[in-house]
Amino acid sequence: MRVVSGKYRGLNLVPFEGEDIRPTADRVKESLFNILSSRVIGAVVADVFCGSGNLGIECLSRGAECVHFNDLSNKSLEVLGKNLAKLRGGEKYFITRSDYLSFLKGTSARFDLIFIDPPYRYDYGLSALRTIAERDLLKDGGVVVYERDRSFEGETYGLVMSDERKYGRTYLTFFKRS
């Protein structure tokens, strides 16, 4: 697991040990950021199920204004802390230890980019999408990226599905405001 591009390109990140966490694979991450391209520069980002911080750190490397990292797991936040310590400094980020709904319901920020990458065995994404739409957390022109192991089916709760891509067993579904 490494930073793919930007000022931290090639930086190896501390991985998780065990099967509890499934970080986004480098090849999927590279494709994702090719799609997002210039949207990241100057963006306010939420990495709602941040795990090791893989996606949020990639955003910082590519010029995001700030990243809000959130995870409920102490183990995830410990690994995130080790990965953030590898950065040279000067980046703006916030770390919250909370369940995803409390984070989304409690934040006062609005975001240009929101990553929803819950554990595949739980279907937290639909309630996260609903909360994002209800709380109007996405700025005009912003994007929600939902990563899961199957194609998206279901309500979009005031968001519009704009694209979906498949990489192996990983699906990336993109939403914008309706």
N, C-alpha and C. Protein backbone atom coordinates (compact mmCIF):
# COMPACT_ATOMS: atom_id res chain seq x y z
N MET A 1 0.85 -1.16 0.00
CA MET A 1 0.00 0.00 0.00
C MET A 1 0.90 1.23 0.00
N ARG A 2 0.71 2.07 -1.02
CA ARG A 2 1.58 3.23 -1.17
C ARG A 2 0.78 4.41 -1.69
N VAL A 3 1.36 5.60 -1.58
CA VAL A 3 0.77 6.79 -2.18
C VAL A 3 1.10 6.76 -3.66
N VAL A 4 0.09 6.91 -4.51
CA VAL A 4 0.24 6.73 -5.95
C VAL A 4 0.82 7.96 -6.64
N SER A 5 0.41 9.16 -6.21
CA SER A 5 0.84 10.37 -6.92
C SER A 5 0.89 11.56 -5.97
N GLY A 6 1.43 12.66 -6.46
CA GLY A 6 1.48 13.89 -5.68
C GLY A 6 2.79 14.02 -4.92
N LYS A 7 2.79 14.92 -3.93
CA LYS A 7 4.04 15.21 -3.23
C LYS A 7 4.55 14.05 -2.38
N TYR A 8 3.70 13.09 -2.06
CA TYR A 8 4.13 11.92 -1.29
C TYR A 8 4.20 10.65 -2.15
N ARG A 9 4.24 10.83 -3.44
CA ARG A 9 4.27 9.69 -4.37
C ARG A 9 5.34 8.68 -3.96
N GLY A 10 4.93 7.41 -3.91
CA GLY A 10 5.83 6.32 -3.58
C GLY A 10 5.97 6.05 -2.09
N LEU A 11 5.41 6.90 -1.25
CA LEU A 11 5.49 6.69 0.20
C LEU A 11 4.73 5.42 0.57
N ASN A 12 5.42 4.51 1.24
CA ASN A 12 4.78 3.28 1.69
C ASN A 12 4.02 3.56 2.98
N LEU A 13 2.76 3.14 3.00
CA LEU A 13 1.92 3.33 4.18
C LEU A 13 1.93 2.07 5.04
N VAL A 14 1.73 2.27 6.32
CA VAL A 14 1.66 1.15 7.27
C VAL A 14 0.39 0.37 6.96
N PRO A 15 0.51 -0.92 6.67
CA PRO A 15 -0.68 -1.71 6.36
C PRO A 15 -1.32 -2.27 7.62
N PHE A 16 -2.53 -2.77 7.46
CA PHE A 16 -3.19 -3.50 8.54
C PHE A 16 -2.72 -4.93 8.52
N GLU A 17 -2.66 -5.51 9.70
CA GLU A 17 -2.39 -6.94 9.79
C GLU A 17 -3.70 -7.63 10.08
N GLY A 18 -3.93 -8.74 9.44
CA GLY A 18 -5.17 -9.49 9.65
C GLY A 18 -6.18 -9.20 8.55
N GLU A 19 -7.36 -9.74 8.72
CA GLU A 19 -8.40 -9.68 7.70
C GLU A 19 -9.52 -8.70 8.02
N ASP A 20 -9.39 -7.95 9.12
CA ASP A 20 -10.46 -7.06 9.55
C ASP A 20 -10.67 -5.88 8.60
N ILE A 21 -9.60 -5.39 8.01
CA ILE A 21 -9.66 -4.20 7.17
C ILE A 21 -9.24 -4.56 5.75
N ARG A 22 -9.91 -3.96 4.78
CA ARG A 22 -9.62 -4.20 3.38
C ARG A 22 -9.32 -2.85 2.73
N PRO A 23 -8.05 -2.44 2.72
CA PRO A 23 -7.74 -1.15 2.10
C PRO A 23 -7.95 -1.20 0.58
N THR A 24 -8.26 -0.04 0.02
CA THR A 24 -8.44 0.05 -1.43
C THR A 24 -7.12 -0.30 -2.10
N ALA A 25 -7.14 -1.24 -3.03
CA ALA A 25 -5.93 -1.69 -3.73
C ALA A 25 -5.33 -0.53 -4.52
N ASP A 26 -4.00 -0.54 -4.64
CA ASP A 26 -3.31 0.54 -5.35
C ASP A 26 -3.83 0.73 -6.77
N ARG A 27 -4.11 -0.35 -7.49
CA ARG A 27 -4.57 -0.20 -8.87
C ARG A 27 -5.96 0.41 -8.93
N VAL A 28 -6.82 0.07 -7.97
CA VAL A 28 -8.16 0.67 -7.90
C VAL A 28 -8.03 2.14 -7.52
N LYS A 29 -7.17 2.42 -6.56
CA LYS A 29 -6.95 3.80 -6.11
C LYS A 29 -6.41 4.65 -7.25
N GLU A 30 -5.48 4.13 -8.01
CA GLU A 30 -4.94 4.88 -9.14
C GLU A 30 -6.03 5.19 -10.17
N SER A 31 -6.87 4.22 -10.49
CA SER A 31 -7.98 4.45 -11.42
C SER A 31 -8.97 5.46 -10.85
N LEU A 32 -9.29 5.34 -9.57
CA LEU A 32 -10.21 6.27 -8.92
C LEU A 32 -9.70 7.71 -9.04
N PHE A 33 -8.44 7.92 -8.73
CA PHE A 33 -7.91 9.28 -8.76
C PHE A 33 -7.69 9.79 -10.18
N ASN A 34 -7.56 8.90 -11.14
CA ASN A 34 -7.56 9.34 -12.54
C ASN A 34 -8.94 9.89 -12.92
N ILE A 35 -9.99 9.27 -12.40
CA ILE A 35 -11.35 9.74 -12.65
C ILE A 35 -11.59 11.08 -11.95
N LEU A 36 -11.15 11.18 -10.70
CA LEU A 36 -11.38 12.40 -9.92
C LEU A 36 -10.49 13.54 -10.37
N SER A 37 -9.33 13.24 -10.87
CA SER A 37 -8.30 14.15 -11.37
C SER A 37 -8.25 15.48 -10.62
N SER A 38 -8.60 16.56 -11.26
CA SER A 38 -8.42 17.90 -10.68
C SER A 38 -9.41 18.23 -9.57
N ARG A 39 -10.42 17.39 -9.35
CA ARG A 39 -11.40 17.65 -8.28
C ARG A 39 -10.75 17.65 -6.89
N VAL A 40 -9.60 17.01 -6.75
CA VAL A 40 -8.97 16.84 -5.45
C VAL A 40 -8.26 18.13 -5.01
N ILE A 41 -7.70 18.85 -5.95
CA ILE A 41 -6.92 20.05 -5.62
C ILE A 41 -7.82 21.08 -4.94
N GLY A 42 -7.45 21.46 -3.72
CA GLY A 42 -8.22 22.44 -2.95
C GLY A 42 -9.50 21.91 -2.33
N ALA A 43 -9.73 20.61 -2.41
CA ALA A 43 -10.99 20.03 -1.93
C ALA A 43 -11.01 19.85 -0.42
N VAL A 44 -12.23 19.93 0.12
CA VAL A 44 -12.50 19.55 1.50
C VAL A 44 -13.06 18.13 1.41
N VAL A 45 -12.39 17.18 2.06
CA VAL A 45 -12.65 15.76 1.86
C VAL A 45 -13.09 15.10 3.17
N ALA A 46 -14.04 14.18 3.08
CA ALA A 46 -14.40 13.32 4.20
C ALA A 46 -14.08 11.87 3.83
N ASP A 47 -13.26 11.23 4.65
CA ASP A 47 -12.96 9.81 4.51
C ASP A 47 -13.69 9.13 5.67
N VAL A 48 -14.94 8.74 5.41
CA VAL A 48 -15.89 8.39 6.47
C VAL A 48 -15.53 7.08 7.18
N PHE A 49 -15.06 6.10 6.47
CA PHE A 49 -14.59 4.83 7.04
C PHE A 49 -13.09 4.76 6.73
N CYS A 50 -12.28 5.58 7.36
CA CYS A 50 -10.93 5.86 6.88
C CYS A 50 -9.96 4.70 6.99
N GLY A 51 -10.17 3.77 7.91
CA GLY A 51 -9.22 2.66 8.03
C GLY A 51 -7.81 3.18 8.24
N SER A 52 -6.90 2.86 7.36
CA SER A 52 -5.50 3.27 7.46
C SER A 52 -5.26 4.70 6.98
N GLY A 53 -6.29 5.31 6.40
CA GLY A 53 -6.14 6.66 5.85
C GLY A 53 -5.68 6.69 4.42
N ASN A 54 -5.66 5.53 3.79
CA ASN A 54 -5.17 5.36 2.42
C ASN A 54 -5.73 6.41 1.44
N LEU A 55 -7.05 6.56 1.38
CA LEU A 55 -7.66 7.48 0.41
C LEU A 55 -7.47 8.94 0.81
N GLY A 56 -7.64 9.25 2.08
CA GLY A 56 -7.47 10.62 2.53
C GLY A 56 -6.04 11.10 2.39
N ILE A 57 -5.07 10.25 2.67
CA ILE A 57 -3.67 10.62 2.51
C ILE A 57 -3.34 10.84 1.04
N GLU A 58 -3.92 10.03 0.17
CA GLU A 58 -3.74 10.25 -1.28
C GLU A 58 -4.27 11.64 -1.65
N CYS A 59 -5.40 12.04 -1.06
CA CYS A 59 -5.95 13.38 -1.33
C CYS A 59 -5.01 14.47 -0.85
N LEU A 60 -4.46 14.32 0.35
CA LEU A 60 -3.51 15.31 0.86
C LEU A 60 -2.29 15.40 -0.05
N SER A 61 -1.82 14.26 -0.52
CA SER A 61 -0.67 14.23 -1.41
C SER A 61 -0.95 14.97 -2.72
N ARG A 62 -2.21 14.93 -3.17
CA ARG A 62 -2.60 15.54 -4.44
C ARG A 62 -3.15 16.96 -4.29
N GLY A 63 -3.03 17.56 -3.11
CA GLY A 63 -3.38 18.96 -2.96
C GLY A 63 -4.72 19.29 -2.37
N ALA A 64 -5.35 18.35 -1.66
CA ALA A 64 -6.62 18.66 -0.98
C ALA A 64 -6.37 19.74 0.07
N GLU A 65 -7.35 20.60 0.28
CA GLU A 65 -7.24 21.64 1.31
C GLU A 65 -7.19 21.02 2.70
N CYS A 66 -8.12 20.09 2.96
CA CYS A 66 -8.10 19.37 4.24
C CYS A 66 -8.89 18.08 4.10
N VAL A 67 -8.60 17.16 5.01
CA VAL A 67 -9.28 15.86 5.02
C VAL A 67 -9.81 15.63 6.44
N HIS A 68 -11.07 15.22 6.51
CA HIS A 68 -11.69 14.80 7.76
C HIS A 68 -11.67 13.27 7.77
N PHE A 69 -10.81 12.70 8.60
CA PHE A 69 -10.71 11.25 8.74
C PHE A 69 -11.65 10.81 9.85
N ASN A 70 -12.41 9.75 9.62
CA ASN A 70 -13.29 9.21 10.64
C ASN A 70 -13.25 7.69 10.62
N ASP A 71 -13.20 7.12 11.82
CA ASP A 71 -13.34 5.67 11.96
C ASP A 71 -13.72 5.39 13.40
N LEU A 72 -14.41 4.30 13.62
CA LEU A 72 -14.81 3.90 14.96
C LEU A 72 -13.74 3.04 15.63
N SER A 73 -12.94 2.37 14.85
CA SER A 73 -11.96 1.41 15.35
C SER A 73 -10.70 2.09 15.90
N ASN A 74 -10.36 1.76 17.14
CA ASN A 74 -9.10 2.26 17.71
C ASN A 74 -7.90 1.76 16.92
N LYS A 75 -7.98 0.51 16.45
CA LYS A 75 -6.88 -0.06 15.66
C LYS A 75 -6.69 0.73 14.36
N SER A 76 -7.80 1.08 13.71
CA SER A 76 -7.71 1.88 12.48
C SER A 76 -7.06 3.23 12.77
N LEU A 77 -7.49 3.88 13.83
CA LEU A 77 -6.96 5.21 14.14
C LEU A 77 -5.50 5.14 14.55
N GLU A 78 -5.08 4.04 15.15
CA GLU A 78 -3.66 3.85 15.48
C GLU A 78 -2.83 3.76 14.20
N VAL A 79 -3.30 2.96 13.24
CA VAL A 79 -2.58 2.84 11.96
C VAL A 79 -2.62 4.17 11.21
N LEU A 80 -3.77 4.85 11.22
CA LEU A 80 -3.88 6.17 10.60
C LEU A 80 -2.84 7.11 11.18
N GLY A 81 -2.72 7.14 12.51
CA GLY A 81 -1.74 8.01 13.15
C GLY A 81 -0.32 7.72 12.69
N LYS A 82 0.03 6.46 12.56
CA LYS A 82 1.36 6.09 12.08
C LYS A 82 1.57 6.57 10.64
N ASN A 83 0.53 6.47 9.82
CA ASN A 83 0.65 6.91 8.42
C ASN A 83 0.73 8.43 8.32
N LEU A 84 -0.05 9.13 9.10
CA LEU A 84 0.01 10.60 9.07
C LEU A 84 1.37 11.10 9.58
N ALA A 85 1.97 10.37 10.51
CA ALA A 85 3.29 10.75 11.03
C ALA A 85 4.37 10.66 9.96
N LYS A 86 4.13 9.91 8.90
CA LYS A 86 5.10 9.78 7.81
C LYS A 86 5.10 11.00 6.89
N LEU A 87 4.06 11.84 6.98
CA LEU A 87 3.98 13.02 6.13
C LEU A 87 4.91 14.09 6.67
N ARG A 88 5.34 15.00 5.80
CA ARG A 88 6.30 16.03 6.18
C ARG A 88 5.69 17.14 7.02
N GLY A 89 4.40 17.23 7.06
CA GLY A 89 3.76 18.27 7.85
C GLY A 89 3.18 19.36 7.00
N GLY A 90 2.39 20.20 7.62
CA GLY A 90 1.76 21.30 6.90
C GLY A 90 0.39 20.96 6.36
N GLU A 91 0.02 19.68 6.38
CA GLU A 91 -1.29 19.29 5.89
C GLU A 91 -2.34 19.57 6.95
N LYS A 92 -3.52 19.92 6.49
CA LYS A 92 -4.62 20.18 7.40
C LYS A 92 -5.54 18.97 7.39
N TYR A 93 -5.74 18.40 8.57
CA TYR A 93 -6.65 17.26 8.68
C TYR A 93 -7.25 17.24 10.08
N PHE A 94 -8.37 16.55 10.17
CA PHE A 94 -9.08 16.35 11.43
C PHE A 94 -9.32 14.86 11.58
N ILE A 95 -9.22 14.36 12.80
CA ILE A 95 -9.46 12.94 13.07
C ILE A 95 -10.60 12.83 14.06
N THR A 96 -11.58 12.02 13.72
CA THR A 96 -12.72 11.77 14.60
C THR A 96 -12.85 10.28 14.83
N ARG A 97 -13.03 9.89 16.09
CA ARG A 97 -13.35 8.49 16.41
C ARG A 97 -14.83 8.43 16.68
N SER A 98 -15.57 7.92 15.72
CA SER A 98 -17.03 7.91 15.82
C SER A 98 -17.59 6.89 14.86
N ASP A 99 -18.81 6.44 15.13
CA ASP A 99 -19.49 5.64 14.11
C ASP A 99 -19.85 6.58 12.96
N TYR A 100 -20.05 6.03 11.80
CA TYR A 100 -20.23 6.84 10.60
C TYR A 100 -21.44 7.76 10.67
N LEU A 101 -22.56 7.29 11.24
CA LEU A 101 -23.76 8.13 11.30
C LEU A 101 -23.57 9.30 12.26
N SER A 102 -22.95 9.06 13.39
CA SER A 102 -22.68 10.17 14.32
C SER A 102 -21.76 11.19 13.68
N PHE A 103 -20.76 10.73 12.94
CA PHE A 103 -19.87 11.65 12.25
C PHE A 103 -20.65 12.49 11.24
N LEU A 104 -21.42 11.82 10.38
CA LEU A 104 -22.16 12.55 9.33
C LEU A 104 -23.23 13.47 9.91
N LYS A 105 -23.88 13.05 10.99
CA LYS A 105 -24.92 13.88 11.60
C LYS A 105 -24.32 15.01 12.44
N GLY A 106 -23.09 14.83 12.91
CA GLY A 106 -22.50 15.81 13.81
C GLY A 106 -21.58 16.82 13.16
N THR A 107 -21.16 16.58 11.94
CA THR A 107 -20.22 17.50 11.31
C THR A 107 -20.92 18.78 10.87
N SER A 108 -20.20 19.88 10.97
CA SER A 108 -20.72 21.15 10.46
C SER A 108 -20.10 21.48 9.10
N ALA A 109 -19.18 20.64 8.65
CA ALA A 109 -18.50 20.87 7.37
C ALA A 109 -19.38 20.45 6.19
N ARG A 110 -19.08 21.04 5.05
CA ARG A 110 -19.64 20.57 3.77
C ARG A 110 -18.44 20.17 2.92
N PHE A 111 -18.65 19.18 2.08
CA PHE A 111 -17.51 18.53 1.42
C PHE A 111 -17.60 18.59 -0.10
N ASP A 112 -16.40 18.64 -0.70
CA ASP A 112 -16.27 18.53 -2.15
C ASP A 112 -16.20 17.07 -2.56
N LEU A 113 -15.71 16.25 -1.66
CA LEU A 113 -15.47 14.84 -1.95
C LEU A 113 -15.70 14.04 -0.67
N ILE A 114 -16.54 13.00 -0.78
CA ILE A 114 -16.82 12.12 0.36
C ILE A 114 -16.58 10.68 -0.08
N PHE A 115 -15.73 9.99 0.68
CA PHE A 115 -15.48 8.57 0.44
C PHE A 115 -16.28 7.75 1.44
N ILE A 116 -17.06 6.81 0.92
CA ILE A 116 -17.79 5.84 1.74
C ILE A 116 -17.24 4.47 1.36
N ASP A 117 -16.47 3.89 2.25
CA ASP A 117 -15.84 2.60 1.98
C ASP A 117 -16.01 1.71 3.21
N PRO A 118 -17.28 1.33 3.50
CA PRO A 118 -17.52 0.53 4.71
C PRO A 118 -17.05 -0.91 4.52
N PRO A 119 -16.92 -1.64 5.64
CA PRO A 119 -16.63 -3.07 5.50
C PRO A 119 -17.68 -3.71 4.59
N TYR A 120 -17.23 -4.53 3.65
CA TYR A 120 -18.14 -5.13 2.67
C TYR A 120 -19.26 -5.94 3.32
N ARG A 121 -18.99 -6.53 4.47
CA ARG A 121 -20.00 -7.41 5.09
C ARG A 121 -21.17 -6.63 5.69
N TYR A 122 -21.03 -5.31 5.80
CA TYR A 122 -22.12 -4.48 6.32
C TYR A 122 -22.59 -3.53 5.23
N ASP A 123 -23.86 -3.23 5.22
CA ASP A 123 -24.39 -2.34 4.18
C ASP A 123 -24.68 -0.96 4.77
N TYR A 124 -23.64 -0.35 5.30
CA TYR A 124 -23.78 0.97 5.90
C TYR A 124 -23.89 2.07 4.85
N GLY A 125 -23.52 1.79 3.64
CA GLY A 125 -23.46 2.81 2.61
C GLY A 125 -24.79 3.48 2.32
N LEU A 126 -25.89 2.71 2.31
CA LEU A 126 -27.19 3.29 1.99
C LEU A 126 -27.62 4.32 3.04
N SER A 127 -27.41 4.01 4.32
CA SER A 127 -27.77 4.99 5.34
C SER A 127 -26.81 6.18 5.33
N ALA A 128 -25.57 5.95 4.94
CA ALA A 128 -24.63 7.07 4.80
C ALA A 128 -25.07 7.99 3.66
N LEU A 129 -25.46 7.42 2.52
CA LEU A 129 -25.95 8.24 1.40
C LEU A 129 -27.17 9.05 1.81
N ARG A 130 -28.10 8.42 2.51
CA ARG A 130 -29.31 9.09 2.96
C ARG A 130 -28.95 10.28 3.86
N THR A 131 -28.04 10.07 4.79
CA THR A 131 -27.65 11.12 5.73
C THR A 131 -26.93 12.26 5.01
N ILE A 132 -26.07 11.94 4.07
CA ILE A 132 -25.37 12.96 3.29
C ILE A 132 -26.37 13.84 2.55
N ALA A 133 -27.38 13.21 1.95
CA ALA A 133 -28.39 13.98 1.22
C ALA A 133 -29.27 14.79 2.17
N GLU A 134 -29.74 14.18 3.25
CA GLU A 134 -30.62 14.87 4.19
C GLU A 134 -29.93 16.06 4.84
N ARG A 135 -28.66 15.93 5.16
CA ARG A 135 -27.92 17.00 5.83
C ARG A 135 -27.26 17.96 4.84
N ASP A 136 -27.42 17.69 3.54
CA ASP A 136 -26.84 18.54 2.49
C ASP A 136 -25.34 18.75 2.72
N LEU A 137 -24.62 17.65 2.90
CA LEU A 137 -23.20 17.70 3.21
C LEU A 137 -22.31 17.85 1.99
N LEU A 138 -22.87 17.69 0.81
CA LEU A 138 -22.09 17.75 -0.42
C LEU A 138 -22.23 19.13 -1.05
N LYS A 139 -21.10 19.76 -1.31
CA LYS A 139 -21.10 21.07 -1.95
C LYS A 139 -21.54 20.93 -3.41
N ASP A 140 -21.95 22.05 -4.02
CA ASP A 140 -22.25 22.05 -5.46
C ASP A 140 -21.04 21.54 -6.21
N GLY A 141 -21.25 20.62 -7.13
CA GLY A 141 -20.15 20.05 -7.90
C GLY A 141 -19.39 18.96 -7.19
N GLY A 142 -19.78 18.66 -5.94
CA GLY A 142 -19.09 17.64 -5.16
C GLY A 142 -19.46 16.23 -5.59
N VAL A 143 -18.68 15.27 -5.11
CA VAL A 143 -18.86 13.87 -5.49
C VAL A 143 -18.76 12.97 -4.25
N VAL A 144 -19.65 11.99 -4.20
CA VAL A 144 -19.55 10.91 -3.21
C VAL A 144 -19.07 9.68 -3.96
N VAL A 145 -18.05 9.01 -3.42
CA VAL A 145 -17.54 7.76 -4.00
C VAL A 145 -17.86 6.65 -3.01
N TYR A 146 -18.63 5.69 -3.46
CA TYR A 146 -19.07 4.56 -2.63
C TYR A 146 -18.40 3.30 -3.16
N GLU A 147 -17.56 2.68 -2.32
CA GLU A 147 -16.85 1.47 -2.71
C GLU A 147 -17.50 0.27 -2.04
N ARG A 148 -17.75 -0.76 -2.85
CA ARG A 148 -18.32 -2.00 -2.32
C ARG A 148 -18.03 -3.16 -3.25
N ASP A 149 -18.54 -4.33 -2.90
CA ASP A 149 -18.21 -5.54 -3.65
C ASP A 149 -19.29 -5.97 -4.63
N ARG A 150 -20.26 -5.09 -4.88
CA ARG A 150 -21.31 -5.40 -5.86
C ARG A 150 -21.83 -4.10 -6.45
N SER A 151 -22.51 -4.24 -7.56
CA SER A 151 -23.08 -3.08 -8.23
C SER A 151 -24.13 -2.42 -7.35
N PHE A 152 -24.27 -1.12 -7.50
CA PHE A 152 -25.22 -0.38 -6.68
C PHE A 152 -26.64 -0.63 -7.14
N GLU A 153 -27.50 -0.93 -6.18
CA GLU A 153 -28.93 -1.03 -6.41
C GLU A 153 -29.60 -0.41 -5.20
N GLY A 154 -30.59 0.41 -5.43
CA GLY A 154 -31.31 0.98 -4.30
C GLY A 154 -31.56 2.47 -4.47
N GLU A 155 -32.10 3.05 -3.43
CA GLU A 155 -32.42 4.47 -3.40
C GLU A 155 -31.14 5.29 -3.39
N THR A 156 -31.23 6.48 -3.95
CA THR A 156 -30.09 7.39 -3.90
C THR A 156 -30.36 8.58 -3.01
N TYR A 157 -31.59 8.71 -2.47
CA TYR A 157 -31.90 9.66 -1.42
C TYR A 157 -31.52 11.10 -1.75
N GLY A 158 -31.93 11.58 -2.90
CA GLY A 158 -31.64 12.96 -3.24
C GLY A 158 -30.28 13.16 -3.90
N LEU A 159 -29.57 12.08 -4.11
CA LEU A 159 -28.32 12.13 -4.86
C LEU A 159 -28.56 11.43 -6.20
N VAL A 160 -27.74 11.72 -7.18
CA VAL A 160 -27.86 11.11 -8.50
C VAL A 160 -26.62 10.26 -8.75
N MET A 161 -26.84 9.00 -9.11
CA MET A 161 -25.72 8.15 -9.48
C MET A 161 -25.22 8.62 -10.84
N SER A 162 -23.96 9.03 -10.90
CA SER A 162 -23.43 9.58 -12.14
C SER A 162 -22.52 8.62 -12.90
N ASP A 163 -22.00 7.59 -12.21
CA ASP A 163 -21.08 6.66 -12.87
C ASP A 163 -20.88 5.46 -11.96
N GLU A 164 -20.49 4.35 -12.56
CA GLU A 164 -20.09 3.18 -11.79
C GLU A 164 -19.03 2.44 -12.58
N ARG A 165 -17.97 2.03 -11.88
CA ARG A 165 -16.87 1.30 -12.51
C ARG A 165 -16.59 0.05 -11.70
N LYS A 166 -16.15 -1.01 -12.42
CA LYS A 166 -15.83 -2.28 -11.78
C LYS A 166 -14.35 -2.58 -11.99
N TYR A 167 -13.67 -2.92 -10.91
CA TYR A 167 -12.25 -3.30 -10.95
C TYR A 167 -12.12 -4.60 -10.17
N GLY A 168 -12.03 -5.73 -10.88
CA GLY A 168 -12.00 -7.02 -10.20
C GLY A 168 -13.31 -7.22 -9.45
N ARG A 169 -13.24 -7.40 -8.13
CA ARG A 169 -14.47 -7.54 -7.35
C ARG A 169 -14.88 -6.24 -6.66
N THR A 170 -14.22 -5.15 -7.01
CA THR A 170 -14.52 -3.85 -6.40
C THR A 170 -15.33 -2.99 -7.36
N TYR A 171 -16.42 -2.42 -6.85
CA TYR A 171 -17.23 -1.47 -7.60
C TYR A 171 -17.06 -0.09 -6.98
N LEU A 172 -16.84 0.91 -7.81
CA LEU A 172 -16.83 2.30 -7.39
C LEU A 172 -18.04 2.96 -8.00
N THR A 173 -18.93 3.47 -7.16
CA THR A 173 -20.14 4.15 -7.63
C THR A 173 -20.03 5.61 -7.22
N PHE A 174 -20.30 6.49 -8.19
CA PHE A 174 -20.13 7.93 -8.00
C PHE A 174 -21.52 8.60 -7.96
N PHE A 175 -21.67 9.49 -6.99
CA PHE A 175 -22.92 10.23 -6.82
C PHE A 175 -22.65 11.71 -6.78
N LYS A 176 -23.62 12.49 -7.24
CA LYS A 176 -23.57 13.94 -7.11
C LYS A 176 -24.93 14.42 -6.62
N ARG A 177 -25.01 15.69 -6.31
CA ARG A 177 -26.28 16.26 -5.85
C ARG A 177 -27.29 16.25 -6.99
N SER A 178 -28.57 16.06 -6.65
CA SER A 178 -29.60 16.08 -7.69
C SER A 178 -30.05 17.50 -7.93
